[in-house]
Amino acid sequence: MSTKTKRGGASVAMLAAVLLALLALAAGSALYMWRRIGAVDIGTDGVIALVLGVGVSLALGIGLMRLVYFSSRRGYDDNVD
């Protein structure tokens, strides 16, 4: 195993560790805020906004992923100038 491979593996491991630490920090902050806020009632308008927001986000994500696959399969990504 060359030093280049070892170094690359170490940098990938370091990146993974940093990303996991950031994920843990975000999850911990969310849990803290959730417990701190307590029980909150969401009205009908809030539920409608939440459902529409999730639906639009999913539709956008699915649509963009379909465009990526379409572009990749048709070869549009092969000609990079």
PDB file of N, CA and C in Angstrom:
ATOM      1  N   MET A   1       0.849  -1.181   0.000  1.00  0.00           N
ATOM      2  CA  MET A   1       0.000   0.000   0.000  1.00  0.00           C
ATOM      3  C   MET A   1       0.892   1.241   0.000  1.00  0.00           C
ATOM      4  N   SER A   2       0.684   2.117  -0.935  1.00  0.00           N
ATOM      5  CA  SER A   2       1.522   3.307  -1.031  1.00  0.00           C
ATOM      6  C   SER A   2       1.073   4.369  -0.036  1.00  0.00           C
ATOM      7  N   THR A   3       1.947   5.363   0.169  1.00  0.00           N
ATOM      8  CA  THR A   3       1.604   6.436   1.098  1.00  0.00           C
ATOM      9  C   THR A   3       0.482   7.301   0.545  1.00  0.00           C
ATOM     10  N   LYS A   4       0.391   7.370  -0.794  1.00  0.00           N
ATOM     11  CA  LYS A   4      -0.682   8.157  -1.398  1.00  0.00           C
ATOM     12  C   LYS A   4      -2.042   7.546  -1.054  1.00  0.00           C
ATOM     13  N   THR A   5      -2.128   6.225  -1.111  1.00  0.00           N
ATOM     14  CA  THR A   5      -3.378   5.552  -0.763  1.00  0.00           C
ATOM     15  C   THR A   5      -3.687   5.742   0.717  1.00  0.00           C
ATOM     16  N   LYS A   6      -2.667   5.641   1.560  1.00  0.00           N
ATOM     17  CA  LYS A   6      -2.878   5.835   2.998  1.00  0.00           C
ATOM     18  C   LYS A   6      -3.354   7.260   3.288  1.00  0.00           C
ATOM     19  N   ARG A   7      -2.698   8.219   2.645  1.00  0.00           N
ATOM     20  CA  ARG A   7      -3.065   9.605   2.863  1.00  0.00           C
ATOM     21  C   ARG A   7      -4.493   9.874   2.386  1.00  0.00           C
ATOM     22  N   GLY A   8      -4.851   9.311   1.224  1.00  0.00           N
ATOM     23  CA  GLY A   8      -6.209   9.481   0.710  1.00  0.00           C
ATOM     24  C   GLY A   8      -7.234   8.861   1.639  1.00  0.00           C
ATOM     25  N   GLY A   9      -6.912   7.687   2.169  1.00  0.00           N
ATOM     26  CA  GLY A   9      -7.816   7.034   3.117  1.00  0.00           C
ATOM     27  C   GLY A   9      -7.965   7.835   4.391  1.00  0.00           C
ATOM     28  N   ALA A  10      -6.858   8.435   4.843  1.00  0.00           N
ATOM     29  CA  ALA A  10      -6.914   9.241   6.062  1.00  0.00           C
ATOM     30  C   ALA A  10      -7.736  10.494   5.848  1.00  0.00           C
ATOM     31  N   SER A  11      -7.618  11.098   4.669  1.00  0.00           N
ATOM     32  CA  SER A  11      -8.396  12.315   4.424  1.00  0.00           C
ATOM     33  C   SER A  11      -9.887  11.983   4.298  1.00  0.00           C
ATOM     34  N   VAL A  12     -10.205  10.825   3.726  1.00  0.00           N
ATOM     35  CA  VAL A  12     -11.604  10.413   3.645  1.00  0.00           C
ATOM     36  C   VAL A  12     -12.145  10.134   5.046  1.00  0.00           C
ATOM     37  N   ALA A  13     -11.335   9.485   5.878  1.00  0.00           N
ATOM     38  CA  ALA A  13     -11.755   9.199   7.249  1.00  0.00           C
ATOM     39  C   ALA A  13     -11.941  10.499   8.034  1.00  0.00           C
ATOM     40  N   MET A  14     -11.052  11.461   7.817  1.00  0.00           N
ATOM     41  CA  MET A  14     -11.169  12.750   8.513  1.00  0.00           C
ATOM     42  C   MET A  14     -12.414  13.491   8.055  1.00  0.00           C
ATOM     43  N   LEU A  15     -12.682  13.469   6.758  1.00  0.00           N
ATOM     44  CA  LEU A  15     -13.888  14.116   6.235  1.00  0.00           C
ATOM     45  C   LEU A  15     -15.135  13.460   6.819  1.00  0.00           C
ATOM     46  N   ALA A  16     -15.136  12.137   6.861  1.00  0.00           N
ATOM     47  CA  ALA A  16     -16.284  11.423   7.422  1.00  0.00           C
ATOM     48  C   ALA A  16     -16.462  11.763   8.894  1.00  0.00           C
ATOM     49  N   ALA A  17     -15.366  11.859   9.636  1.00  0.00           N
ATOM     50  CA  ALA A  17     -15.454  12.197  11.061  1.00  0.00           C
ATOM     51  C   ALA A  17     -16.009  13.603  11.259  1.00  0.00           C
ATOM     52  N   VAL A  18     -15.540  14.546  10.453  1.00  0.00           N
ATOM     53  CA  VAL A  18     -16.034  15.928  10.570  1.00  0.00           C
ATOM     54  C   VAL A  18     -17.518  15.994  10.219  1.00  0.00           C
ATOM     55  N   LEU A  19     -17.915  15.305   9.148  1.00  0.00           N
ATOM     56  CA  LEU A  19     -19.327  15.318   8.768  1.00  0.00           C
ATOM     57  C   LEU A  19     -20.208  14.650   9.813  1.00  0.00           C
ATOM     58  N   LEU A  20     -19.747  13.560  10.396  1.00  0.00           N
ATOM     59  CA  LEU A  20     -20.512  12.910  11.467  1.00  0.00           C
ATOM     60  C   LEU A  20     -20.606  13.802  12.701  1.00  0.00           C
ATOM     61  N   ALA A  21     -19.532  14.522  13.007  1.00  0.00           N
ATOM     62  CA  ALA A  21     -19.568  15.454  14.139  1.00  0.00           C
ATOM     63  C   ALA A  21     -20.571  16.576  13.879  1.00  0.00           C
ATOM     64  N   LEU A  22     -20.597  17.099  12.661  1.00  0.00           N
ATOM     65  CA  LEU A  22     -21.575  18.139  12.320  1.00  0.00           C
ATOM     66  C   LEU A  22     -23.004  17.600  12.383  1.00  0.00           C
ATOM     67  N   LEU A  23     -23.202  16.363  11.925  1.00  0.00           N
ATOM     68  CA  LEU A  23     -24.515  15.742  12.010  1.00  0.00           C
ATOM     69  C   LEU A  23     -24.945  15.573  13.457  1.00  0.00           C
ATOM     70  N   ALA A  24     -24.030  15.124  14.305  1.00  0.00           N
ATOM     71  CA  ALA A  24     -24.342  14.965  15.725  1.00  0.00           C
ATOM     72  C   ALA A  24     -24.665  16.313  16.370  1.00  0.00           C
ATOM     73  N   LEU A  25     -23.923  17.344  15.996  1.00  0.00           N
ATOM     74  CA  LEU A  25     -24.183  18.687  16.530  1.00  0.00           C
ATOM     75  C   LEU A  25     -25.560  19.193  16.096  1.00  0.00           C
ATOM     76  N   ALA A  26     -25.900  18.985  14.836  1.00  0.00           N
ATOM     77  CA  ALA A  26     -27.207  19.417  14.340  1.00  0.00           C
ATOM     78  C   ALA A  26     -28.329  18.642  15.025  1.00  0.00           C
ATOM     79  N   ALA A  27     -28.158  17.333  15.168  1.00  0.00           N
ATOM     80  CA  ALA A  27     -29.185  16.520  15.825  1.00  0.00           C
ATOM     81  C   ALA A  27     -29.325  16.903  17.293  1.00  0.00           C
ATOM     82  N   GLY A  28     -28.210  17.145  17.952  1.00  0.00           N
ATOM     83  CA  GLY A  28     -28.256  17.568  19.356  1.00  0.00           C
ATOM     84  C   GLY A  28     -28.940  18.918  19.522  1.00  0.00           C
ATOM     85  N   SER A  29     -28.639  19.850  18.632  1.00  0.00           N
ATOM     86  CA  SER A  29     -29.283  21.169  18.689  1.00  0.00           C
ATOM     87  C   SER A  29     -30.780  21.062  18.441  1.00  0.00           C
ATOM     88  N   ALA A  30     -31.168  20.244  17.471  1.00  0.00           N
ATOM     89  CA  ALA A  30     -32.591  20.059  17.183  1.00  0.00           C
ATOM     90  C   ALA A  30     -33.312  19.438  18.367  1.00  0.00           C
ATOM     91  N   LEU A  31     -32.698  18.442  18.981  1.00  0.00           N
ATOM     92  CA  LEU A  31     -33.314  17.791  20.140  1.00  0.00           C
ATOM     93  C   LEU A  31     -33.440  18.764  21.306  1.00  0.00           C
ATOM     94  N   TYR A  32     -32.403  19.555  21.541  1.00  0.00           N
ATOM     95  CA  TYR A  32     -32.444  20.556  22.611  1.00  0.00           C
ATOM     96  C   TYR A  32     -33.573  21.558  22.385  1.00  0.00           C
ATOM     97  N   MET A  33     -33.671  22.074  21.157  1.00  0.00           N
ATOM     98  CA  MET A  33     -34.711  23.056  20.862  1.00  0.00           C
ATOM     99  C   MET A  33     -36.097  22.430  20.950  1.00  0.00           C
ATOM    100  N   TRP A  34     -36.241  21.194  20.499  1.00  0.00           N
ATOM    101  CA  TRP A  34     -37.527  20.516  20.552  1.00  0.00           C
ATOM    102  C   TRP A  34     -38.000  20.390  22.005  1.00  0.00           C
ATOM    103  N   ARG A  35     -37.092  19.982  22.876  1.00  0.00           N
ATOM    104  CA  ARG A  35     -37.451  19.834  24.295  1.00  0.00           C
ATOM    105  C   ARG A  35     -37.677  21.193  24.951  1.00  0.00           C
ATOM    106  N   ARG A  36     -36.918  22.191  24.540  1.00  0.00           N
ATOM    107  CA  ARG A  36     -37.024  23.527  25.149  1.00  0.00           C
ATOM    108  C   ARG A  36     -38.345  24.200  24.786  1.00  0.00           C
ATOM    109  N   ILE A  37     -38.798  24.034  23.553  1.00  0.00           N
ATOM    110  CA  ILE A  37     -40.031  24.673  23.110  1.00  0.00           C
ATOM    111  C   ILE A  37     -41.238  24.052  23.786  1.00  0.00           C
ATOM    112  N   GLY A  38     -41.254  22.748  23.928  1.00  0.00           N
ATOM    113  CA  GLY A  38     -42.383  22.071  24.558  1.00  0.00           C
ATOM    114  C   GLY A  38     -43.490  21.802  23.552  1.00  0.00           C
ATOM    115  N   ALA A  39     -44.668  21.543  24.069  1.00  0.00           N
ATOM    116  CA  ALA A  39     -45.820  21.210  23.230  1.00  0.00           C
ATOM    117  C   ALA A  39     -46.339  22.468  22.536  1.00  0.00           C
ATOM    118  N   VAL A  40     -46.430  22.401  21.228  1.00  0.00           N
ATOM    119  CA  VAL A  40     -46.938  23.514  20.436  1.00  0.00           C
ATOM    120  C   VAL A  40     -48.035  22.979  19.532  1.00  0.00           C
ATOM    121  N   ASP A  41     -49.180  23.631  19.537  1.00  0.00           N
ATOM    122  CA  ASP A  41     -50.270  23.223  18.665  1.00  0.00           C
ATOM    123  C   ASP A  41     -50.107  23.881  17.299  1.00  0.00           C
ATOM    124  N   ILE A  42     -50.289  23.074  16.271  1.00  0.00           N
ATOM    125  CA  ILE A  42     -50.233  23.591  14.910  1.00  0.00           C
ATOM    126  C   ILE A  42     -51.662  23.661  14.404  1.00  0.00           C
ATOM    127  N   GLY A  43     -52.057  24.828  13.947  1.00  0.00           N
ATOM    128  CA  GLY A  43     -53.404  25.010  13.436  1.00  0.00           C
ATOM    129  C   GLY A  43     -53.570  24.394  12.055  1.00  0.00           C
ATOM    130  N   THR A  44     -54.779  24.500  11.539  1.00  0.00           N
ATOM    131  CA  THR A  44     -55.081  23.947  10.223  1.00  0.00           C
ATOM    132  C   THR A  44     -54.227  24.592   9.135  1.00  0.00           C
ATOM    133  N   ASP A  45     -54.059  25.899   9.208  1.00  0.00           N
ATOM    134  CA  ASP A  45     -53.222  26.593   8.219  1.00  0.00           C
ATOM    135  C   ASP A  45     -51.775  26.106   8.275  1.00  0.00           C
ATOM    136  N   GLY A  46     -51.284  25.850   9.473  1.00  0.00           N
ATOM    137  CA  GLY A  46     -49.923  25.346   9.620  1.00  0.00           C
ATOM    138  C   GLY A  46     -49.756  23.958   9.035  1.00  0.00           C
ATOM    139  N   VAL A  47     -50.751  23.096   9.246  1.00  0.00           N
ATOM    140  CA  VAL A  47     -50.690  21.746   8.698  1.00  0.00           C
ATOM    141  C   VAL A  47     -50.728  21.800   7.179  1.00  0.00           C
ATOM    142  N   ILE A  48     -51.579  22.656   6.628  1.00  0.00           N
ATOM    143  CA  ILE A  48     -51.661  22.799   5.168  1.00  0.00           C
ATOM    144  C   ILE A  48     -50.326  23.297   4.616  1.00  0.00           C
ATOM    145  N   ALA A  49     -49.728  24.287   5.270  1.00  0.00           N
ATOM    146  CA  ALA A  49     -48.444  24.819   4.821  1.00  0.00           C
ATOM    147  C   ALA A  49     -47.357  23.747   4.919  1.00  0.00           C
ATOM    148  N   LEU A  50     -47.388  22.961   5.977  1.00  0.00           N
ATOM    149  CA  LEU A  50     -46.404  21.901   6.144  1.00  0.00           C
ATOM    150  C   LEU A  50     -46.532  20.840   5.056  1.00  0.00           C
ATOM    151  N   VAL A  51     -47.748  20.407   4.783  1.00  0.00           N
ATOM    152  CA  VAL A  51     -47.986  19.395   3.754  1.00  0.00           C
ATOM    153  C   VAL A  51     -47.594  19.925   2.379  1.00  0.00           C
ATOM    154  N   LEU A  52     -47.966  21.163   2.070  1.00  0.00           N
ATOM    155  CA  LEU A  52     -47.590  21.748   0.785  1.00  0.00           C
ATOM    156  C   LEU A  52     -46.076  21.915   0.663  1.00  0.00           C
ATOM    157  N   GLY A  53     -45.422  22.330   1.724  1.00  0.00           N
ATOM    158  CA  GLY A  53     -43.970  22.484   1.698  1.00  0.00           C
ATOM    159  C   GLY A  53     -43.252  21.174   1.458  1.00  0.00           C
ATOM    160  N   VAL A  54     -43.694  20.124   2.143  1.00  0.00           N
ATOM    161  CA  VAL A  54     -43.087  18.803   1.946  1.00  0.00           C
ATOM    162  C   VAL A  54     -43.370  18.313   0.533  1.00  0.00           C
ATOM    163  N   GLY A  55     -44.594  18.486   0.056  1.00  0.00           N
ATOM    164  CA  GLY A  55     -44.947  18.037  -1.291  1.00  0.00           C
ATOM    165  C   GLY A  55     -44.148  18.740  -2.367  1.00  0.00           C
ATOM    166  N   VAL A  56     -44.024  20.053  -2.258  1.00  0.00           N
ATOM    167  CA  VAL A  56     -43.264  20.817  -3.254  1.00  0.00           C
ATOM    168  C   VAL A  56     -41.784  20.434  -3.195  1.00  0.00           C
ATOM    169  N   SER A  57     -41.242  20.255  -1.998  1.00  0.00           N
ATOM    170  CA  SER A  57     -39.839  19.861  -1.865  1.00  0.00           C
ATOM    171  C   SER A  57     -39.590  18.497  -2.487  1.00  0.00           C
ATOM    172  N   LEU A  58     -40.476  17.544  -2.234  1.00  0.00           N
ATOM    173  CA  LEU A  58     -40.335  16.220  -2.830  1.00  0.00           C
ATOM    174  C   LEU A  58     -40.460  16.274  -4.350  1.00  0.00           C
ATOM    175  N   ALA A  59     -41.433  17.018  -4.839  1.00  0.00           N
ATOM    176  CA  ALA A  59     -41.621  17.123  -6.294  1.00  0.00           C
ATOM    177  C   ALA A  59     -40.396  17.754  -6.953  1.00  0.00           C
ATOM    178  N   LEU A  60     -39.851  18.783  -6.336  1.00  0.00           N
ATOM    179  CA  LEU A  60     -38.659  19.439  -6.882  1.00  0.00           C
ATOM    180  C   LEU A  60     -37.477  18.483  -6.875  1.00  0.00           C
ATOM    181  N   GLY A  61     -37.259  17.790  -5.772  1.00  0.00           N
ATOM    182  CA  GLY A  61     -36.150  16.841  -5.687  1.00  0.00           C
ATOM    183  C   GLY A  61     -36.280  15.708  -6.693  1.00  0.00           C
ATOM    184  N   ILE A  62     -37.480  15.145  -6.802  1.00  0.00           N
ATOM    185  CA  ILE A  62     -37.706  14.053  -7.753  1.00  0.00           C
ATOM    186  C   ILE A  62     -37.532  14.553  -9.185  1.00  0.00           C
ATOM    187  N   GLY A  63     -38.058  15.721  -9.484  1.00  0.00           N
ATOM    188  CA  GLY A  63     -37.925  16.282 -10.826  1.00  0.00           C
ATOM    189  C   GLY A  63     -36.477  16.546 -11.201  1.00  0.00           C
ATOM    190  N   LEU A  64     -35.715  17.097 -10.279  1.00  0.00           N
ATOM    191  CA  LEU A  64     -34.308  17.367 -10.570  1.00  0.00           C
ATOM    192  C   LEU A  64     -33.511  16.074 -10.745  1.00  0.00           C
ATOM    193  N   MET A  65     -33.807  15.068  -9.949  1.00  0.00           N
ATOM    194  CA  MET A  65     -33.112  13.791 -10.102  1.00  0.00           C
ATOM    195  C   MET A  65     -33.462  13.133 -11.432  1.00  0.00           C
ATOM    196  N   ARG A  66     -34.712  13.245 -11.852  1.00  0.00           N
ATOM    197  CA  ARG A  66     -35.094  12.701 -13.162  1.00  0.00           C
ATOM    198  C   ARG A  66     -34.348  13.417 -14.282  1.00  0.00           C
ATOM    199  N   LEU A  67     -34.170  14.729 -14.159  1.00  0.00           N
ATOM    200  CA  LEU A  67     -33.404  15.459 -15.162  1.00  0.00           C
ATOM    201  C   LEU A  67     -31.940  15.024 -15.189  1.00  0.00           C
ATOM    202  N   VAL A  68     -31.377  14.735 -14.024  1.00  0.00           N
ATOM    203  CA  VAL A  68     -29.992  14.261 -13.967  1.00  0.00           C
ATOM    204  C   VAL A  68     -29.870  12.932 -14.679  1.00  0.00           C
ATOM    205  N   TYR A  69     -30.778  11.999 -14.409  1.00  0.00           N
ATOM    206  CA  TYR A  69     -30.728  10.695 -15.066  1.00  0.00           C
ATOM    207  C   TYR A  69     -30.978  10.819 -16.562  1.00  0.00           C
ATOM    208  N   PHE A  70     -31.920  11.649 -16.938  1.00  0.00           N
ATOM    209  CA  PHE A  70     -32.219  11.862 -18.353  1.00  0.00           C
ATOM    210  C   PHE A  70     -30.996  12.414 -19.077  1.00  0.00           C
ATOM    211  N   SER A  71     -30.372  13.419 -18.487  1.00  0.00           N
ATOM    212  CA  SER A  71     -29.202  14.039 -19.088  1.00  0.00           C
ATOM    213  C   SER A  71     -28.051  13.047 -19.197  1.00  0.00           C
ATOM    214  N   SER A  72     -27.871  12.234 -18.167  1.00  0.00           N
ATOM    215  CA  SER A  72     -26.781  11.262 -18.168  1.00  0.00           C
ATOM    216  C   SER A  72     -27.009  10.178 -19.212  1.00  0.00           C
ATOM    217  N   ARG A  73     -28.215   9.686 -19.338  1.00  0.00           N
ATOM    218  CA  ARG A  73     -28.503   8.601 -20.277  1.00  0.00           C
ATOM    219  C   ARG A  73     -28.481   9.068 -21.723  1.00  0.00           C
ATOM    220  N   ARG A  74     -28.822  10.313 -21.987  1.00  0.00           N
ATOM    221  CA  ARG A  74     -28.819  10.831 -23.352  1.00  0.00           C
ATOM    222  C   ARG A  74     -27.436  11.292 -23.794  1.00  0.00           C
ATOM    223  N   GLY A  75     -26.486  11.348 -22.874  1.00  0.00           N
ATOM    224  CA  GLY A  75     -25.116  11.722 -23.238  1.00  0.00           C
ATOM    225  C   GLY A  75     -24.860  13.215 -23.230  1.00  0.00           C
ATOM    226  N   TYR A  76     -25.773  14.001 -22.676  1.00  0.00           N
ATOM    227  CA  TYR A  76     -25.543  15.448 -22.644  1.00  0.00           C
ATOM    228  C   TYR A  76     -24.373  15.840 -21.753  1.00  0.00           C
ATOM    229  N   ASP A  77     -24.017  14.976 -20.799  1.00  0.00           N
ATOM    230  CA  ASP A  77     -22.933  15.292 -19.887  1.00  0.00           C
ATOM    231  C   ASP A  77     -21.568  14.881 -20.419  1.00  0.00           C
ATOM    232  N   ASP A  78     -21.532  14.196 -21.563  1.00  0.00           N
ATOM    233  CA  ASP A  78     -20.265  13.698 -22.097  1.00  0.00           C
ATOM    234  C   ASP A  78     -19.441  14.791 -22.765  1.00  0.00           C
ATOM    235  N   ASN A  79     -20.057  15.770 -23.376  1.00  0.00           N
ATOM    236  CA  ASN A  79     -19.360  16.829 -24.100  1.00  0.00           C
ATOM    237  C   ASN A  79     -19.076  18.016 -23.178  1.00  0.00           C
ATOM    238  N   VAL A  80     -17.938  17.958 -22.496  1.00  0.00           N
ATOM    239  CA  VAL A  80     -17.553  19.041 -21.610  1.00  0.00           C
ATOM    240  C   VAL A  80     -16.494  19.872 -22.327  1.00  0.00           C
ATOM    241  N   ASP A  81     -16.786  21.144 -22.558  1.00  0.00           N
ATOM    242  CA  ASP A  81     -15.840  22.008 -23.263  1.00  0.00           C
ATOM    243  C   ASP A  81     -15.285  23.058 -22.345  1.00  0.00           C
TER     244      ASP A  81
END
